[in-house]
Amino acid sequence: MGGVDGKIDEVISEIEQESSPAQVVFNPDTEEKFAILPAKNEIKVDKTKLMAEIEEQFSTNKVANVDIPTTEIVTEINEDEILSNLGLRSKFSTNYSKSSNNRKNNIKRALSSFNGMVVTPGQTVSFNETTGPRTEENGFKKANIILNGVYVEGVGGGVCQASTTLYNALLLSGIDVLEVQHHSLPASYVPLSLDAMVSEGVSDLVFVNNTSSPIYIKTYGTDTEIIVEIYGDKLSDGEEIKTRAELVKILPHNGDKIIPDTNEEYTNFIVYKGEYYRLKYPQEGYESKAYVQYYKNGELVSEKEIRHDFYYPQEGIIVEGTEEVSEGITLPENKVKFIPPQVTTDTETMNVRRKIAENNPSSYNP
């Protein structure tokens, strides 16, 4: 056959086709979230038969004109069945109506990295890797963050509300969370032990798709709340997953600590000994736990503890001036009220959520 053999192989490679299963296409921002990309059938060329026909024609003619013998193996697929198995596994939202525009921007920006994400079985996802660096070049703006137990301004403030909203949606959909960390100060937008603090190089939210099918993530925001929806194979009929937070006890604070303004950082407010400026209020701490609950037809089947956290109490800080009071100088009345160590009661324990909201208002949340 001379050089014809090689040319035949080229033709065969252009005709033959491997089979591929139907693929689910996820369109999170459309009404119909899912579509099916049809499966491909396997096409094989019968090379032995083809060569025999060519040789037969060449034996009597100078030109061979043959039909290439192929076999198509149909991939059976029920598109309706695939789509009927897909549905909403969980939905979780948190309120940010009192947040600054910068903070809202950061929350939406972080979660936009997950909108439309498809997580295959066994795949692990890192929040920090997905969202990228918290920089202005990456679309983040300045808002409140927690540093050393106090709220300060920093680029990316509010991203923890994004990670917390995603975290709770994952828990409610039955997805395994491999890494999560609580804040140093409680967040008011979720119960204790259901927050998820993220900080580059310090703390991450990491989860793995522990199901046998892909999961699909949709995120979006309104003027008042941010929402995460998790889609995939529907939970079994009657199955429901919930979370429960438990306050174990209040951890009393130790009241105020007075420190001298040695570096003269607060001379706009205080100069002399006996003059005081409050830098930080004391805050009580909390020991808490969180659980995932599994229900069947409205009945609690099992409960699993997933968190046991300590939000340690914060000491109050009052700064005092360092200069001696000269003769003839009368200091103004001290308006800073010193707060003694805390004594807790059972009644106070009942009002923890209210106190958290007052001490850490949503506009300040990290």
Protein backbone atom coordinates (compact mmCIF):
# COMPACT_ATOMS: atom_id res chain seq x y z
CA MET A 1 0.00 0.00 0.00
CA GLY A 2 3.05 2.27 0.05
CA GLY A 3 2.40 5.55 1.88
CA VAL A 4 -1.36 5.09 1.79
CA ASP A 5 -1.36 3.34 5.17
CA GLY A 6 -0.25 6.46 7.03
CA LYS A 7 -2.83 8.59 5.24
CA ILE A 8 -5.57 6.13 6.19
CA ASP A 9 -4.59 6.39 9.85
CA GLU A 10 -4.93 10.20 9.61
CA VAL A 11 -8.42 9.88 8.15
CA ILE A 12 -9.43 7.39 10.82
CA SER A 13 -8.20 9.70 13.61
CA GLU A 14 -10.40 12.49 12.23
CA ILE A 15 -13.49 10.28 12.14
CA GLU A 16 -13.21 8.26 15.33
CA GLN A 17 -14.66 9.78 18.50
CA GLU A 18 -14.52 8.75 22.12
CA SER A 19 -17.72 8.73 24.11
CA SER A 20 -18.32 11.35 26.79
CA PRO A 21 -21.16 11.52 29.31
CA ALA A 22 -23.76 14.24 29.35
CA GLN A 23 -22.56 17.27 31.30
CA VAL A 24 -24.53 19.50 33.65
CA VAL A 25 -24.14 23.20 32.85
CA PHE A 26 -24.68 25.50 35.86
CA ASN A 27 -26.04 28.97 35.18
CA PRO A 28 -26.46 30.52 38.67
CA ASP A 29 -27.86 33.85 37.53
CA THR A 30 -30.67 32.49 35.35
CA GLU A 31 -34.11 31.23 36.34
CA GLU A 32 -33.36 27.76 35.00
CA LYS A 33 -30.18 27.02 36.93
CA PHE A 34 -29.23 23.86 35.06
CA ALA A 35 -28.98 22.71 31.46
CA ILE A 36 -27.63 19.51 29.90
CA LEU A 37 -24.77 19.39 27.43
CA PRO A 38 -25.61 16.21 25.45
CA ALA A 39 -23.46 13.11 25.66
CA LYS A 40 -21.22 12.12 22.74
CA ASN A 41 -21.50 8.66 21.19
CA GLU A 42 -18.41 6.56 20.54
CA ILE A 43 -17.55 6.20 16.84
CA LYS A 44 -15.15 3.47 15.72
CA VAL A 45 -13.76 2.76 12.22
CA ASP A 46 -13.43 -0.87 11.14
CA LYS A 47 -9.87 -0.50 9.82
CA THR A 48 -9.54 -4.16 8.79
CA LYS A 49 -12.64 -4.00 6.63
CA LEU A 50 -11.62 -0.62 5.22
CA MET A 51 -8.16 -1.88 4.20
CA ALA A 52 -9.66 -4.97 2.59
CA GLU A 53 -12.02 -2.87 0.47
CA ILE A 54 -9.21 -0.52 -0.62
CA GLU A 55 -6.93 -3.38 -1.58
CA GLU A 56 -9.75 -5.05 -3.53
CA GLN A 57 -10.42 -1.88 -5.53
CA PHE A 58 -6.72 -1.22 -6.16
CA SER A 59 -6.40 -4.74 -7.57
CA THR A 60 -8.64 -3.79 -10.51
CA ASN A 61 -8.52 0.03 -10.60
CA LYS A 62 -6.00 2.83 -10.18
CA VAL A 63 -8.43 4.77 -7.94
CA ALA A 64 -10.18 3.42 -4.86
CA ASN A 65 -13.60 4.88 -3.96
CA VAL A 66 -14.93 3.33 -0.73
CA ASP A 67 -17.39 4.12 2.04
CA ILE A 68 -15.57 4.16 5.39
CA PRO A 69 -17.19 1.48 7.58
CA THR A 70 -18.00 2.90 11.06
CA THR A 71 -19.79 1.73 14.15
CA GLU A 72 -21.57 4.16 16.49
CA ILE A 73 -22.06 3.09 20.09
CA VAL A 74 -24.91 5.11 21.54
CA THR A 75 -24.45 6.54 25.03
CA GLU A 76 -27.76 6.06 26.83
CA ILE A 77 -28.76 9.15 28.81
CA ASN A 78 -31.94 10.29 30.52
CA GLU A 79 -31.66 14.07 30.68
CA ASP A 80 -34.94 14.49 32.57
CA GLU A 81 -33.76 12.11 35.28
CA ILE A 82 -30.48 13.99 35.71
CA LEU A 83 -32.25 17.33 36.05
CA SER A 84 -34.92 15.97 38.39
CA ASN A 85 -32.23 14.81 40.84
CA LEU A 86 -30.71 18.29 41.05
CA GLY A 87 -32.05 20.89 43.46
CA LEU A 88 -31.42 23.30 46.30
CA ARG A 89 -29.66 21.63 49.22
CA SER A 90 -29.38 24.69 51.47
CA LYS A 91 -29.75 28.45 51.66
CA PHE A 92 -28.33 30.81 54.27
CA SER A 93 -28.33 34.58 54.58
CA THR A 94 -26.96 37.21 56.96
CA ASN A 95 -28.03 40.83 57.36
CA TYR A 96 -25.71 43.72 56.52
CA SER A 97 -28.28 46.50 56.18
CA LYS A 98 -26.43 48.80 58.61
CA SER A 99 -23.01 48.25 57.05
CA SER A 100 -21.09 50.91 55.18
CA ASN A 101 -21.00 50.78 51.38
CA ASN A 102 -17.33 49.76 51.54
CA ARG A 103 -18.13 46.87 53.84
CA LYS A 104 -20.99 45.71 51.62
CA ASN A 105 -18.65 45.91 48.63
CA ASN A 106 -16.09 43.67 50.34
CA ILE A 107 -18.68 41.04 51.28
CA LYS A 108 -20.14 40.93 47.78
CA ARG A 109 -16.68 40.98 46.20
CA ALA A 110 -15.49 38.00 48.26
CA LEU A 111 -18.57 35.88 47.60
CA SER A 112 -18.60 36.74 43.90
CA SER A 113 -15.55 34.48 43.61
CA PHE A 114 -17.80 31.53 44.52
CA ASN A 115 -20.80 32.39 42.35
CA GLY A 116 -21.12 29.68 39.72
CA MET A 117 -18.47 27.46 41.33
CA VAL A 118 -18.78 23.74 40.65
CA VAL A 119 -17.07 21.54 43.25
CA THR A 120 -16.48 17.97 42.13
CA PRO A 121 -16.60 14.97 44.51
CA GLY A 122 -13.51 14.90 46.72
CA GLN A 123 -12.41 18.42 45.69
CA THR A 124 -11.12 20.70 48.46
CA VAL A 125 -11.73 24.46 48.35
CA SER A 126 -9.93 27.22 50.27
CA PHE A 127 -11.74 30.52 50.88
CA ASN A 128 -8.51 32.53 50.92
CA GLU A 129 -7.17 30.98 47.74
CA THR A 130 -10.48 31.47 45.96
CA THR A 131 -10.98 35.12 46.89
CA GLY A 132 -7.33 36.12 46.41
CA PRO A 133 -5.43 38.85 48.28
CA ARG A 134 -7.44 41.46 50.17
CA THR A 135 -6.05 44.46 48.30
CA GLU A 136 -7.53 47.50 46.63
CA GLU A 137 -6.11 46.24 43.33
CA ASN A 138 -8.22 43.09 43.83
CA GLY A 139 -11.41 45.08 44.35
CA PHE A 140 -11.49 45.34 48.16
CA LYS A 141 -12.01 48.60 50.08
CA LYS A 142 -11.31 49.91 53.59
CA ALA A 143 -13.71 48.91 56.37
CA ASN A 144 -13.55 47.66 59.97
CA ILE A 145 -11.40 44.67 60.93
CA ILE A 146 -10.48 43.27 64.35
CA LEU A 147 -6.90 43.83 65.50
CA ASN A 148 -5.79 42.91 69.02
CA GLY A 149 -9.36 42.80 70.24
CA VAL A 150 -10.43 46.20 68.89
CA TYR A 151 -12.02 47.43 65.67
CA VAL A 152 -9.70 49.30 63.33
CA GLU A 153 -9.92 50.22 59.66
CA GLY A 154 -8.28 47.90 57.16
CA VAL A 155 -8.62 46.86 53.53
CA GLY A 156 -11.06 43.97 53.18
CA GLY A 157 -13.09 44.60 56.33
CA GLY A 158 -16.32 42.58 56.25
CA VAL A 159 -14.93 39.59 54.38
CA CYS A 160 -15.53 37.45 57.47
CA GLN A 161 -19.27 37.92 57.03
CA ALA A 162 -18.87 36.47 53.55
CA SER A 163 -16.98 33.43 54.86
CA THR A 164 -19.46 33.01 57.72
CA THR A 165 -22.46 33.06 55.37
CA LEU A 166 -20.81 30.49 53.12
CA TYR A 167 -19.83 28.37 56.14
CA ASN A 168 -23.39 28.11 57.43
CA ALA A 169 -24.75 27.28 53.98
CA LEU A 170 -22.19 24.47 53.72
CA LEU A 171 -23.17 23.06 57.12
CA LEU A 172 -26.85 23.05 56.18
CA SER A 173 -26.10 21.23 52.92
CA GLY A 174 -24.15 18.43 54.64
CA ILE A 175 -20.74 19.44 53.27
CA ASP A 176 -17.67 18.68 55.41
CA VAL A 177 -15.73 21.71 56.70
CA LEU A 178 -12.06 20.87 57.25
CA GLU A 179 -10.85 24.17 58.71
CA VAL A 180 -12.67 26.99 60.49
CA GLN A 181 -11.76 29.49 63.22
CA HIS A 182 -13.85 31.78 65.43
CA HIS A 183 -13.26 35.52 65.91
CA SER A 184 -11.66 37.02 68.97
CA LEU A 185 -14.84 39.09 69.39
CA PRO A 186 -18.29 37.59 68.72
CA ALA A 187 -20.05 38.59 65.52
CA SER A 188 -23.65 39.74 65.90
CA TYR A 189 -24.86 38.38 62.55
CA VAL A 190 -24.73 34.69 63.63
CA PRO A 191 -24.95 32.79 66.93
CA LEU A 192 -21.79 31.96 68.88
CA SER A 193 -19.63 29.17 67.39
CA LEU A 194 -21.20 29.57 63.95
CA ASP A 195 -18.87 32.31 62.70
CA ALA A 196 -15.91 31.75 60.37
CA MET A 197 -12.99 34.13 60.70
CA VAL A 198 -10.63 34.40 57.72
CA SER A 199 -7.34 36.24 57.56
CA GLU A 200 -4.59 35.78 54.99
CA GLY A 201 -1.80 33.62 56.37
CA VAL A 202 -3.59 33.26 59.71
CA SER A 203 -6.99 31.62 59.32
CA ASP A 204 -8.91 30.05 56.45
CA LEU A 205 -12.24 28.39 55.70
CA VAL A 206 -11.59 25.08 53.94
CA PHE A 207 -14.23 22.57 52.85
CA VAL A 208 -14.40 19.37 50.82
CA ASN A 209 -17.19 17.96 48.70
CA ASN A 210 -17.79 14.73 50.60
CA THR A 211 -20.76 13.74 48.41
CA SER A 212 -20.68 11.44 45.38
CA SER A 213 -21.84 14.20 42.98
CA PRO A 214 -20.82 17.78 42.19
CA ILE A 215 -22.18 20.67 44.24
CA TYR A 216 -22.97 24.06 42.75
CA ILE A 217 -22.69 27.42 44.56
CA LYS A 218 -24.74 30.54 43.92
CA THR A 219 -24.09 33.82 45.80
CA TYR A 220 -25.84 37.17 45.59
CA GLY A 221 -26.69 40.22 47.66
CA THR A 222 -29.52 42.69 48.16
CA ASP A 223 -29.46 46.04 49.93
CA THR A 224 -30.10 44.31 53.25
CA GLU A 225 -28.63 40.81 53.13
CA ILE A 226 -26.09 38.51 51.51
CA ILE A 227 -27.20 35.04 50.44
CA VAL A 228 -25.49 31.74 49.62
CA GLU A 229 -27.30 28.82 48.00
CA ILE A 230 -25.86 25.31 47.62
CA TYR A 231 -27.23 23.06 44.86
CA GLY A 232 -26.57 19.42 44.02
CA ASP A 233 -28.27 16.06 44.35
CA LYS A 234 -31.34 16.68 46.49
CA LEU A 235 -31.41 15.54 50.09
CA SER A 236 -33.50 12.42 50.68
CA ASP A 237 -37.25 12.88 51.06
CA GLY A 238 -38.02 14.18 54.52
CA GLU A 239 -34.35 14.81 55.32
CA GLU A 240 -33.40 18.20 56.79
CA ILE A 241 -30.17 19.54 58.29
CA LYS A 242 -30.14 22.25 60.96
CA THR A 243 -27.56 23.86 63.25
CA ARG A 244 -27.79 24.62 66.95
CA ALA A 245 -25.63 26.95 69.06
CA GLU A 246 -25.19 26.52 72.80
CA LEU A 247 -23.85 29.05 75.29
CA VAL A 248 -21.93 27.06 77.90
CA LYS A 249 -21.10 29.97 80.17
CA ILE A 250 -20.07 33.61 80.35
CA LEU A 251 -16.38 34.29 80.94
CA PRO A 252 -16.28 37.40 83.16
CA HIS A 253 -13.97 40.28 82.24
CA ASN A 254 -11.43 41.71 84.68
CA GLY A 255 -12.53 45.31 84.40
CA ASP A 256 -10.25 48.18 83.45
CA LYS A 257 -6.47 48.42 83.28
CA ILE A 258 -4.76 51.83 83.47
CA ILE A 259 -1.63 52.37 81.37
CA PRO A 260 0.50 55.52 81.18
CA ASP A 261 0.69 57.43 77.90
CA THR A 262 4.45 56.93 77.84
CA ASN A 263 4.77 57.51 74.09
CA GLU A 264 2.49 60.56 74.23
CA GLU A 265 0.12 59.08 71.64
CA TYR A 266 -2.98 60.63 73.22
CA THR A 267 -1.84 64.15 74.13
CA ASN A 268 -4.83 65.56 72.26
CA PHE A 269 -6.97 64.14 75.08
CA ILE A 270 -4.73 63.86 78.16
CA VAL A 271 -1.46 65.35 79.43
CA TYR A 272 -1.27 65.18 83.24
CA LYS A 273 -1.39 62.39 85.76
CA GLY A 274 -4.98 62.09 86.91
CA GLU A 275 -6.31 62.73 83.40
CA TYR A 276 -7.78 59.66 81.80
CA TYR A 277 -8.85 58.63 78.31
CA ARG A 278 -10.71 55.42 77.61
CA LEU A 279 -9.13 53.45 74.81
CA LYS A 280 -11.24 50.31 75.09
CA TYR A 281 -14.19 49.03 77.10
CA PRO A 282 -13.96 45.67 78.82
CA GLN A 283 -16.07 42.91 77.29
CA GLU A 284 -17.18 39.62 78.73
CA GLY A 285 -16.17 36.43 76.96
CA TYR A 286 -18.06 33.24 76.18
CA GLU A 287 -17.59 29.51 76.10
CA SER A 288 -19.86 28.04 73.46
CA LYS A 289 -20.55 24.99 71.32
CA ALA A 290 -22.21 24.36 67.96
CA TYR A 291 -23.97 21.28 66.65
CA VAL A 292 -25.25 19.95 63.34
CA GLN A 293 -28.64 18.27 63.63
CA TYR A 294 -30.12 15.71 61.26
CA TYR A 295 -33.91 15.45 60.96
CA LYS A 296 -36.15 12.94 59.20
CA ASN A 297 -39.79 13.84 58.65
CA GLY A 298 -39.55 16.49 61.35
CA GLU A 299 -37.99 14.19 63.97
CA LEU A 300 -34.46 14.70 65.28
CA VAL A 301 -32.46 11.61 64.31
CA SER A 302 -28.96 12.57 65.44
CA GLU A 303 -26.86 15.51 66.54
CA LYS A 304 -23.11 16.04 66.12
CA GLU A 305 -20.93 18.54 67.98
CA ILE A 306 -18.77 20.45 65.50
CA ARG A 307 -17.38 23.35 67.55
CA HIS A 308 -16.25 24.13 71.10
CA ASP A 309 -14.99 27.70 71.26
CA PHE A 310 -13.73 30.22 73.78
CA TYR A 311 -14.25 33.90 73.02
CA TYR A 312 -11.94 35.19 75.69
CA PRO A 313 -12.94 38.26 77.72
CA GLN A 314 -11.37 41.58 76.82
CA GLU A 315 -9.77 43.84 79.41
CA GLY A 316 -10.74 47.50 79.40
CA ILE A 317 -7.89 49.95 78.74
CA ILE A 318 -7.70 53.47 80.15
CA VAL A 319 -4.75 55.69 79.30
CA GLU A 320 -3.42 58.18 81.87
CA GLY A 321 -1.30 61.26 81.24
CA THR A 322 2.31 61.23 82.43
CA GLU A 323 3.19 64.82 83.38
CA GLU A 324 3.14 65.93 87.01
CA VAL A 325 0.46 68.48 87.84
CA SER A 326 2.11 71.85 88.38
CA GLU A 327 1.17 74.05 91.32
CA GLY A 328 -1.85 76.20 90.56
CA ILE A 329 -3.27 73.85 87.87
CA THR A 330 -6.66 72.35 88.59
CA LEU A 331 -7.60 69.35 86.50
CA PRO A 332 -11.10 69.16 85.07
CA GLU A 333 -13.51 66.61 86.51
CA ASN A 334 -12.66 63.09 85.45
CA LYS A 335 -15.52 61.83 83.26
CA VAL A 336 -14.03 58.39 82.67
CA LYS A 337 -15.84 55.85 84.85
CA PHE A 338 -13.71 52.96 86.01
CA ILE A 339 -15.30 49.55 85.47
CA PRO A 340 -14.53 46.84 88.08
CA PRO A 341 -14.16 43.11 87.37
CA GLN A 342 -17.41 41.54 86.21
CA VAL A 343 -19.67 39.41 88.35
CA THR A 344 -22.10 37.40 86.21
CA THR A 345 -25.60 36.15 86.96
CA ASP A 346 -27.91 33.65 85.30
CA THR A 347 -30.11 36.54 84.18
CA GLU A 348 -27.21 38.06 82.24
CA THR A 349 -26.66 34.75 80.48
CA MET A 350 -30.17 34.94 79.05
CA ASN A 351 -29.39 38.24 77.34
CA VAL A 352 -26.11 37.35 75.65
CA ARG A 353 -27.31 37.83 72.04
CA ARG A 354 -28.64 41.28 72.92
CA LYS A 355 -25.39 42.26 74.62
CA ILE A 356 -23.32 41.04 71.67
CA ALA A 357 -25.40 43.17 69.32
CA GLU A 358 -24.93 46.22 71.56
CA ASN A 359 -21.18 45.76 72.08
CA ASN A 360 -20.41 44.68 68.51
CA PRO A 361 -22.98 46.44 66.31
CA SER A 362 -23.41 45.11 62.78
CA SER A 363 -21.84 48.24 61.35
CA TYR A 364 -18.61 47.30 63.17
CA ASN A 365 -18.59 43.60 62.45
CA PRO A 366 -15.46 42.17 60.78
